[in-house]
Amino acid sequence: MIFFESTIFWRKKVGVTKPKSAKTFGKKEFAYFLFLIIMCLSFIIWYGFGISTQRLEDTTVTMDLYEERLKMNLESTLTDSHLVERERNKLLMAIEERIVAFLYQIPDFSYIGSLETYLKYRPQLLEQFPSAVPLEKGNYSVTSNYGIRVHPISDKEKKHYGIDLATARGKYVYSAASGTILNILFSKKGYGTHIIIKHRFGFETLYGHLNKVLVRKGQTVKQHEMIGAVGRTGSSTGYHLHYEILKNGNKIDPILSFNLKKNIYSHLIKSNTIKDGVE
């Protein structure tokens, strides 16, 4: 007792009081805390999106400038061919330093125009992202494009996230670019038997309604490598290939990718023919 009384006495002397109990976290405090979290997240999302968009716009302007300078270099009338070639090599090196980041950033194929001249010097890059039709030339017809359409089975308006390429049963399907088989799925509905391939720069391709699969999950494939055969599995009214392209997780219109490689290589073949014909 003496000990406790003396303790109380000295507490009063030095002004020490008992600690107050912690304030409870009520509904108002929780609501305020939740509001702050939502505001912070909104700021981060919108600010981050704005920065990303601005960065893409700045990079696109830079790539467009390099494209113009490359064109000017090709059309140069300077007699010093060595000087022109050195300048061209510098431009190509400058683009190569930025090319990977740019290709990861772009949301769709509408930005590829900035690289057209560059790709004429580095056509091998076209093998690493979708740049070709996944069927043999002249062996198909486009029966349904990307976008809103009346679904052939439900008869209702619905967005079509790919392109339908009608062809005969069993026609071989080829990888639109080099990559890795991400998944092989079998379903009685939707895409039916389909293959998903992961490529560089955030690209993926999907090949649906297949009759046969000629690859395995995890397998590495090259561009134009045979991966399956056309069928009508899943929700399908006829034999065709449903082809999709995803860029950074978003489904985009594949149509601009169809002639990318063809146009570049046609130009190269034409250029070489002209050079070969010069005496």
Protein backbone atom coordinates (compact mmCIF):
# COMPACT_ATOMS: atom_id res chain seq x y z
CA MET A 1 0.00 0.00 0.00
CA ILE A 2 2.82 2.40 0.92
CA PHE A 3 4.43 1.75 -2.48
CA PHE A 4 1.25 2.55 -4.46
CA GLU A 5 0.52 5.66 -2.39
CA SER A 6 4.04 6.98 -2.93
CA THR A 7 3.75 6.32 -6.68
CA ILE A 8 0.52 8.34 -6.87
CA PHE A 9 2.13 11.11 -4.80
CA TRP A 10 5.15 11.46 -7.14
CA ARG A 11 2.91 11.30 -10.28
CA LYS A 12 0.99 14.31 -9.02
CA LYS A 13 4.23 16.10 -8.17
CA VAL A 14 5.76 15.76 -11.66
CA GLY A 15 2.43 16.15 -13.48
CA VAL A 16 2.26 12.66 -14.97
CA THR A 17 -1.26 11.56 -15.79
CA LYS A 18 -2.65 8.24 -16.87
CA PRO A 19 -2.59 7.72 -20.61
CA LYS A 20 -5.96 8.27 -22.23
CA SER A 21 -7.55 5.34 -23.96
CA ALA A 22 -7.21 5.34 -27.74
CA LYS A 23 -10.05 6.95 -29.63
CA THR A 24 -12.27 4.45 -31.38
CA PHE A 25 -12.35 4.38 -35.22
CA GLY A 26 -15.98 5.26 -35.92
CA LYS A 27 -18.08 5.27 -39.10
CA LYS A 28 -17.28 8.91 -39.90
CA GLU A 29 -13.54 8.34 -39.60
CA PHE A 30 -13.76 5.19 -41.75
CA ALA A 31 -15.77 6.99 -44.44
CA TYR A 32 -13.26 9.85 -44.49
CA PHE A 33 -10.35 7.41 -44.68
CA LEU A 34 -12.03 5.54 -47.56
CA PHE A 35 -12.68 8.84 -49.36
CA LEU A 36 -8.98 9.75 -49.12
CA ILE A 37 -7.94 6.37 -50.52
CA ILE A 38 -10.35 6.72 -53.48
CA MET A 39 -9.12 10.24 -54.21
CA CYS A 40 -5.49 9.14 -54.10
CA LEU A 41 -6.15 6.19 -56.39
CA SER A 42 -8.08 8.37 -58.84
CA PHE A 43 -5.23 10.88 -58.92
CA ILE A 44 -2.65 8.15 -59.52
CA ILE A 45 -4.70 6.51 -62.30
CA TRP A 46 -5.57 9.72 -64.14
CA TYR A 47 -2.17 11.33 -63.66
CA GLY A 48 -0.39 8.13 -64.67
CA PHE A 49 -2.60 7.78 -67.76
CA GLY A 50 -1.92 11.39 -68.72
CA ILE A 51 1.83 10.92 -68.39
CA SER A 52 1.68 7.71 -70.43
CA THR A 53 -0.37 9.36 -73.19
CA GLN A 54 1.93 12.38 -73.31
CA ARG A 55 4.99 10.12 -73.45
CA LEU A 56 3.50 8.20 -76.38
CA GLU A 57 2.67 11.43 -78.22
CA ASP A 58 6.21 12.76 -77.66
CA THR A 59 7.77 9.48 -78.83
CA THR A 60 5.52 9.38 -81.91
CA VAL A 61 6.58 12.92 -82.88
CA THR A 62 10.23 11.90 -82.47
CA MET A 63 9.77 8.77 -84.61
CA ASP A 64 7.95 10.81 -87.28
CA LEU A 65 10.90 13.23 -87.39
CA TYR A 66 13.35 10.36 -87.81
CA GLU A 67 11.12 8.95 -90.58
CA GLU A 68 11.18 12.28 -92.43
CA ARG A 69 14.96 12.60 -92.04
CA LEU A 70 15.42 9.06 -93.39
CA LYS A 71 13.29 9.91 -96.42
CA MET A 72 15.30 13.10 -96.99
CA ASN A 73 18.50 11.09 -96.69
CA LEU A 74 17.27 8.65 -99.37
CA GLU A 75 16.31 11.52 -101.67
CA SER A 76 19.58 13.41 -101.05
CA THR A 77 21.31 14.89 -104.12
CA LEU A 78 24.69 15.18 -102.41
CA THR A 79 27.52 13.76 -104.47
CA ASP A 80 29.37 12.50 -101.39
CA SER A 81 27.74 9.07 -101.04
CA HIS A 82 29.87 8.19 -98.00
CA LEU A 83 28.58 11.25 -96.12
CA VAL A 84 24.99 10.35 -96.97
CA GLU A 85 25.52 6.75 -95.84
CA ARG A 86 27.11 7.86 -92.53
CA GLU A 87 24.14 10.15 -91.83
CA ARG A 88 21.73 7.31 -92.67
CA ASN A 89 23.50 4.92 -90.30
CA LYS A 90 23.33 7.50 -87.51
CA LEU A 91 19.58 7.86 -88.04
CA LEU A 92 19.08 4.10 -88.07
CA MET A 93 21.06 3.75 -84.84
CA ALA A 94 19.03 6.53 -83.20
CA ILE A 95 15.78 4.77 -84.13
CA GLU A 96 17.11 1.42 -82.89
CA GLU A 97 17.76 2.96 -79.47
CA ARG A 98 14.06 3.86 -79.21
CA ILE A 99 12.33 1.17 -81.25
CA VAL A 100 11.63 -1.38 -78.48
CA ALA A 101 10.07 1.18 -76.11
CA PHE A 102 8.03 2.66 -78.97
CA LEU A 103 6.65 -0.71 -80.10
CA TYR A 104 5.64 -1.58 -76.52
CA GLN A 105 3.93 1.80 -76.11
CA ILE A 106 1.81 1.93 -79.26
CA PRO A 107 -1.83 0.85 -78.78
CA ASP A 108 -2.48 -0.37 -82.37
CA PHE A 109 -1.10 -0.57 -85.91
CA SER A 110 -1.99 3.01 -86.86
CA TYR A 111 1.38 4.09 -85.40
CA ILE A 112 3.47 1.74 -87.53
CA GLY A 113 3.51 4.27 -90.39
CA SER A 114 6.24 6.13 -88.50
CA LEU A 115 8.52 3.12 -89.05
CA GLU A 116 7.85 2.33 -92.70
CA THR A 117 11.17 3.65 -94.05
CA TYR A 118 13.08 2.19 -91.11
CA LEU A 119 11.54 -1.25 -91.68
CA LYS A 120 12.83 -1.24 -95.26
CA TYR A 121 16.32 -1.39 -93.71
CA ARG A 122 15.37 -3.71 -90.85
CA PRO A 123 12.64 -5.97 -92.36
CA GLN A 124 13.51 -8.83 -89.98
CA LEU A 125 11.73 -6.89 -87.22
CA LEU A 126 8.43 -7.71 -88.97
CA GLU A 127 8.86 -11.34 -87.98
CA GLN A 128 8.53 -10.45 -84.28
CA PHE A 129 5.03 -8.94 -84.31
CA PRO A 130 1.88 -9.73 -86.36
CA SER A 131 2.51 -8.53 -89.91
CA ALA A 132 1.08 -11.24 -92.19
CA VAL A 133 -2.17 -13.07 -92.93
CA PRO A 134 -2.34 -16.43 -91.07
CA LEU A 135 -3.61 -18.25 -94.18
CA GLU A 136 -2.11 -18.93 -97.60
CA LYS A 137 -2.43 -16.16 -100.16
CA GLY A 138 -5.62 -16.35 -102.21
CA ASN A 139 -7.01 -19.17 -100.09
CA TYR A 140 -9.57 -17.17 -98.12
CA SER A 141 -12.16 -14.39 -98.20
CA VAL A 142 -13.02 -11.92 -95.45
CA THR A 143 -16.61 -12.62 -94.37
CA SER A 144 -16.75 -10.47 -91.22
CA ASN A 145 -14.61 -7.50 -90.21
CA TYR A 146 -13.67 -6.11 -86.79
CA GLY A 147 -16.41 -4.01 -85.20
CA ILE A 148 -20.18 -3.98 -84.61
CA ARG A 149 -22.10 -6.58 -86.60
CA VAL A 150 -25.27 -8.69 -86.44
CA HIS A 151 -24.20 -11.99 -84.89
CA PRO A 152 -24.95 -14.88 -87.30
CA ILE A 153 -26.27 -17.13 -84.50
CA SER A 154 -27.94 -14.80 -81.96
CA ASP A 155 -29.11 -12.37 -84.72
CA LYS A 156 -28.32 -9.48 -82.35
CA GLU A 157 -25.91 -6.57 -82.74
CA LYS A 158 -22.65 -7.37 -81.04
CA LYS A 159 -19.04 -6.26 -81.29
CA HIS A 160 -16.86 -8.62 -83.31
CA TYR A 161 -13.33 -8.49 -81.87
CA GLY A 162 -11.55 -10.10 -84.79
CA ILE A 163 -11.74 -10.92 -88.48
CA ASP A 164 -13.39 -14.00 -89.99
CA LEU A 165 -11.55 -15.56 -92.91
CA ALA A 166 -13.66 -18.11 -94.76
CA THR A 167 -11.84 -21.00 -96.42
CA ALA A 168 -12.13 -24.75 -96.97
CA ARG A 169 -12.05 -27.25 -94.12
CA GLY A 170 -8.56 -28.42 -93.22
CA LYS A 171 -6.67 -25.48 -94.78
CA TYR A 172 -3.53 -24.89 -92.78
CA VAL A 173 -3.25 -21.97 -90.36
CA TYR A 174 0.11 -20.23 -89.83
CA SER A 175 1.52 -18.09 -87.02
CA ALA A 176 1.34 -14.39 -87.90
CA ALA A 177 4.65 -13.76 -86.09
CA SER A 178 7.30 -15.58 -84.11
CA GLY A 179 6.36 -16.25 -80.50
CA THR A 180 5.40 -18.78 -77.84
CA ILE A 181 2.21 -20.84 -77.65
CA LEU A 182 0.55 -19.29 -74.62
CA ASN A 183 -2.53 -21.52 -74.52
CA ILE A 184 -4.54 -24.13 -76.41
CA LEU A 185 -8.21 -24.25 -75.44
CA PHE A 186 -11.02 -26.60 -76.38
CA SER A 187 -14.64 -25.49 -76.10
CA LYS A 188 -18.01 -26.43 -77.57
CA LYS A 189 -19.00 -22.75 -77.56
CA GLY A 190 -17.39 -19.44 -78.50
CA TYR A 191 -14.04 -19.81 -80.24
CA GLY A 192 -14.20 -23.61 -80.12
CA THR A 193 -10.75 -25.13 -80.42
CA HIS A 194 -8.37 -22.16 -80.44
CA ILE A 195 -4.72 -21.24 -80.01
CA ILE A 196 -3.27 -18.13 -78.35
CA ILE A 197 0.29 -17.07 -79.20
CA LYS A 198 2.35 -14.52 -77.26
CA HIS A 199 4.68 -12.30 -79.34
CA ARG A 200 7.10 -9.46 -78.57
CA PHE A 201 6.12 -5.86 -77.81
CA GLY A 202 2.88 -6.74 -75.98
CA PHE A 203 1.22 -8.52 -78.92
CA GLU A 204 -0.86 -11.70 -78.77
CA THR A 205 -2.79 -13.48 -81.53
CA LEU A 206 -5.79 -15.81 -81.32
CA TYR A 207 -6.79 -18.42 -83.92
CA GLY A 208 -10.32 -19.77 -83.43
CA HIS A 209 -12.70 -22.52 -84.65
CA LEU A 210 -9.82 -24.87 -85.51
CA ASN A 211 -10.32 -28.43 -86.66
CA LYS A 212 -6.81 -29.54 -85.75
CA VAL A 213 -3.96 -28.31 -83.51
CA LEU A 214 -0.37 -28.96 -84.62
CA VAL A 215 1.51 -27.34 -81.73
CA ARG A 216 1.76 -27.71 -77.96
CA LYS A 217 1.55 -25.23 -75.10
CA GLY A 218 4.91 -23.55 -74.39
CA GLN A 219 6.28 -24.32 -77.84
CA THR A 220 8.27 -21.62 -79.65
CA VAL A 221 7.11 -20.97 -83.21
CA LYS A 222 8.42 -18.89 -86.09
CA GLN A 223 6.45 -16.57 -88.32
CA HIS A 224 4.60 -18.55 -91.04
CA GLU A 225 5.03 -21.80 -89.08
CA MET A 226 2.07 -24.19 -89.40
CA ILE A 227 0.05 -24.29 -86.14
CA GLY A 228 -3.31 -25.83 -87.00
CA ALA A 229 -6.08 -26.38 -89.54
CA VAL A 230 -9.34 -24.57 -90.26
CA GLY A 231 -12.56 -26.04 -88.87
CA ARG A 232 -15.96 -24.97 -87.52
CA THR A 233 -15.70 -25.86 -83.82
CA GLY A 234 -17.48 -23.75 -81.21
CA SER A 235 -20.12 -21.20 -82.23
CA SER A 236 -19.70 -21.26 -85.99
CA THR A 237 -22.02 -21.39 -89.01
CA GLY A 238 -19.34 -22.50 -91.48
CA TYR A 239 -15.69 -23.31 -92.02
CA HIS A 240 -13.54 -20.28 -91.28
CA LEU A 241 -10.69 -18.92 -89.18
CA HIS A 242 -11.55 -16.36 -86.51
CA TYR A 243 -8.39 -14.26 -86.08
CA GLU A 244 -7.76 -11.73 -83.31
CA ILE A 245 -4.86 -9.50 -82.28
CA LEU A 246 -4.40 -8.22 -78.74
CA LYS A 247 -2.08 -5.31 -77.92
CA ASN A 248 -1.21 -4.79 -74.26
CA GLY A 249 -4.32 -6.82 -73.35
CA ASN A 250 -6.71 -4.89 -75.62
CA LYS A 251 -8.30 -6.41 -78.73
CA ILE A 252 -7.50 -4.33 -81.82
CA ASP A 253 -8.40 -4.39 -85.52
CA PRO A 254 -6.06 -6.84 -87.30
CA ILE A 255 -6.70 -5.48 -90.82
CA LEU A 256 -3.77 -3.01 -90.81
CA SER A 257 -1.36 -5.84 -90.05
CA PHE A 258 -2.33 -7.96 -93.06
CA ASN A 259 -0.11 -6.31 -95.69
CA LEU A 260 2.67 -4.93 -93.51
CA LYS A 261 5.26 -7.54 -94.44
CA LYS A 262 4.04 -7.86 -98.03
CA ASN A 263 4.37 -4.11 -98.69
CA ILE A 264 7.87 -3.84 -97.17
CA TYR A 265 9.24 -6.90 -98.95
CA SER A 266 7.59 -5.93 -102.26
CA HIS A 267 9.41 -2.60 -102.03
CA LEU A 268 12.71 -4.36 -101.30
CA ILE A 269 12.28 -6.76 -104.21
CA LYS A 270 11.43 -3.86 -106.53
CA SER A 271 14.47 -1.84 -105.32
CA ASN A 272 16.81 -4.79 -105.84
CA THR A 273 15.40 -5.41 -109.33
CA ILE A 274 16.05 -1.79 -110.29
CA LYS A 275 19.61 -1.93 -108.91
CA ASP A 276 20.30 -5.22 -110.66
CA GLY A 277 19.17 -3.72 -113.93
CA VAL A 278 21.58 -0.77 -113.74
CA GLU A 279 24.78 -1.24 -115.77
